[in-house]
Amino acid sequence: MKYVLLLRPQQWYKNLLVFLPLLFSGNLLNLTAIGQSLLAFASFCALSSATYVINYYADRNNDTLHPEKWNRPIESGEV
């Protein structure tokens, strides 16, 4: 569970913006466009999660002293 929290899935909703071009282009029934949009969404989620993990790791020493951030997975030593 801590590994999932490390990826911050609660932030993935922002990546739904990649579906706006599909909506506005009128290609809602185009399977190729839908597949490309799903791939873009998955890519954005993976890249943003990787960025969060790198940031957690880079800030781990400072965040262990922070009153609110000390209990994150890397900072607390659980991951």
C-alpha atoms as a PDB file:
ATOM      1  CA  MET A   1       0.000   0.000   0.000  1.00  0.00           C
ATOM      2  CA  LYS A   2       2.852   2.392   0.786  1.00  0.00           C
ATOM      3  CA  TYR A   3       4.230   1.861  -2.714  1.00  0.00           C
ATOM      4  CA  VAL A   4       0.904   2.915  -4.213  1.00  0.00           C
ATOM      5  CA  LEU A   5       0.787   6.030  -2.025  1.00  0.00           C
ATOM      6  CA  LEU A   6       4.288   6.862  -3.203  1.00  0.00           C
ATOM      7  CA  LEU A   7       2.900   7.191  -6.752  1.00  0.00           C
ATOM      8  CA  ARG A   8       0.244   9.722  -5.680  1.00  0.00           C
ATOM      9  CA  PRO A   9      -2.687   8.265  -7.645  1.00  0.00           C
ATOM     10  CA  GLN A  10      -4.935  10.926  -6.111  1.00  0.00           C
ATOM     11  CA  GLN A  11      -3.245  13.385  -8.481  1.00  0.00           C
ATOM     12  CA  TRP A  12      -3.950  11.416 -11.667  1.00  0.00           C
ATOM     13  CA  TYR A  13      -7.335  13.056 -12.260  1.00  0.00           C
ATOM     14  CA  LYS A  14      -5.443  16.080 -13.608  1.00  0.00           C
ATOM     15  CA  ASN A  15      -4.201  13.948 -16.483  1.00  0.00           C
ATOM     16  CA  LEU A  16      -7.769  13.537 -17.721  1.00  0.00           C
ATOM     17  CA  LEU A  17      -7.140  16.769 -19.617  1.00  0.00           C
ATOM     18  CA  VAL A  18      -5.521  14.687 -22.365  1.00  0.00           C
ATOM     19  CA  PHE A  19      -9.037  13.587 -23.346  1.00  0.00           C
ATOM     20  CA  LEU A  20     -10.209  17.126 -24.152  1.00  0.00           C
ATOM     21  CA  PRO A  21      -8.848  17.115 -27.723  1.00  0.00           C
ATOM     22  CA  LEU A  22     -10.708  13.849 -28.310  1.00  0.00           C
ATOM     23  CA  LEU A  23     -13.908  15.427 -27.032  1.00  0.00           C
ATOM     24  CA  PHE A  24     -13.596  18.671 -28.984  1.00  0.00           C
ATOM     25  CA  SER A  25     -12.493  16.998 -32.228  1.00  0.00           C
ATOM     26  CA  GLY A  26     -15.664  14.948 -32.408  1.00  0.00           C
ATOM     27  CA  ASN A  27     -13.717  11.684 -32.587  1.00  0.00           C
ATOM     28  CA  LEU A  28     -15.404  10.080 -29.603  1.00  0.00           C
ATOM     29  CA  LEU A  29     -16.166   6.943 -31.604  1.00  0.00           C
ATOM     30  CA  ASN A  30     -12.780   6.706 -33.334  1.00  0.00           C
ATOM     31  CA  LEU A  31     -11.068   3.698 -31.747  1.00  0.00           C
ATOM     32  CA  THR A  32      -7.601   4.799 -32.864  1.00  0.00           C
ATOM     33  CA  ALA A  33      -8.040   8.227 -31.281  1.00  0.00           C
ATOM     34  CA  ILE A  34      -9.436   6.665 -28.109  1.00  0.00           C
ATOM     35  CA  GLY A  35      -6.466   4.292 -27.911  1.00  0.00           C
ATOM     36  CA  GLN A  36      -4.014   7.135 -28.410  1.00  0.00           C
ATOM     37  CA  SER A  37      -5.735   9.167 -25.701  1.00  0.00           C
ATOM     38  CA  LEU A  38      -5.642   6.226 -23.288  1.00  0.00           C
ATOM     39  CA  LEU A  39      -1.954   5.730 -24.025  1.00  0.00           C
ATOM     40  CA  ALA A  40      -1.327   9.438 -23.434  1.00  0.00           C
ATOM     41  CA  PHE A  41      -3.242   9.279 -20.137  1.00  0.00           C
ATOM     42  CA  ALA A  42      -1.269   6.243 -18.958  1.00  0.00           C
ATOM     43  CA  SER A  43       1.997   7.896 -20.008  1.00  0.00           C
ATOM     44  CA  PHE A  44       1.181  11.114 -18.180  1.00  0.00           C
ATOM     45  CA  CYS A  45       0.256   9.154 -15.041  1.00  0.00           C
ATOM     46  CA  ALA A  46       3.458   7.103 -15.183  1.00  0.00           C
ATOM     47  CA  LEU A  47       5.694  10.112 -15.793  1.00  0.00           C
ATOM     48  CA  SER A  48       4.079  12.257 -13.116  1.00  0.00           C
ATOM     49  CA  SER A  49       4.340   9.380 -10.626  1.00  0.00           C
ATOM     50  CA  ALA A  50       8.006   8.885 -11.497  1.00  0.00           C
ATOM     51  CA  THR A  51       8.581  12.591 -10.912  1.00  0.00           C
ATOM     52  CA  TYR A  52       6.923  12.372  -7.491  1.00  0.00           C
ATOM     53  CA  VAL A  53       9.085   9.385  -6.507  1.00  0.00           C
ATOM     54  CA  ILE A  54      12.273  11.155  -7.619  1.00  0.00           C
ATOM     55  CA  ASN A  55      11.222  14.263  -5.704  1.00  0.00           C
ATOM     56  CA  TYR A  56      10.447  12.249  -2.567  1.00  0.00           C
ATOM     57  CA  TYR A  57      13.866  10.627  -2.777  1.00  0.00           C
ATOM     58  CA  ALA A  58      15.700  13.905  -3.413  1.00  0.00           C
ATOM     59  CA  ASP A  59      13.947  15.668  -0.509  1.00  0.00           C
ATOM     60  CA  ARG A  60      14.001  12.745   1.938  1.00  0.00           C
ATOM     61  CA  ASN A  61      16.619  14.214   4.299  1.00  0.00           C
ATOM     62  CA  ASN A  62      14.881  17.575   4.658  1.00  0.00           C
ATOM     63  CA  ASP A  63      11.382  16.113   4.821  1.00  0.00           C
ATOM     64  CA  THR A  64      12.213  13.817   7.753  1.00  0.00           C
ATOM     65  CA  LEU A  65      12.521  16.976   9.853  1.00  0.00           C
ATOM     66  CA  HIS A  66       9.317  18.550   8.515  1.00  0.00           C
ATOM     67  CA  PRO A  67       6.331  18.413  10.920  1.00  0.00           C
ATOM     68  CA  GLU A  68       3.868  17.276   8.215  1.00  0.00           C
ATOM     69  CA  LYS A  69       6.026  15.439   5.671  1.00  0.00           C
ATOM     70  CA  TRP A  70       7.963  13.118   8.015  1.00  0.00           C
ATOM     71  CA  ASN A  71       5.377  10.321   7.711  1.00  0.00           C
ATOM     72  CA  ARG A  72       5.551   9.913   3.924  1.00  0.00           C
ATOM     73  CA  PRO A  73       6.652   6.445   2.766  1.00  0.00           C
ATOM     74  CA  ILE A  74      10.314   7.213   2.008  1.00  0.00           C
ATOM     75  CA  GLU A  75      10.817   9.730   4.795  1.00  0.00           C
ATOM     76  CA  SER A  76       9.421   7.376   7.435  1.00  0.00           C
ATOM     77  CA  GLY A  77      11.644   4.529   6.208  1.00  0.00           C
ATOM     78  CA  GLU A  78       8.747   2.252   5.215  1.00  0.00           C
ATOM     79  CA  VAL A  79       9.883   2.174   1.584  1.00  0.00           C
END
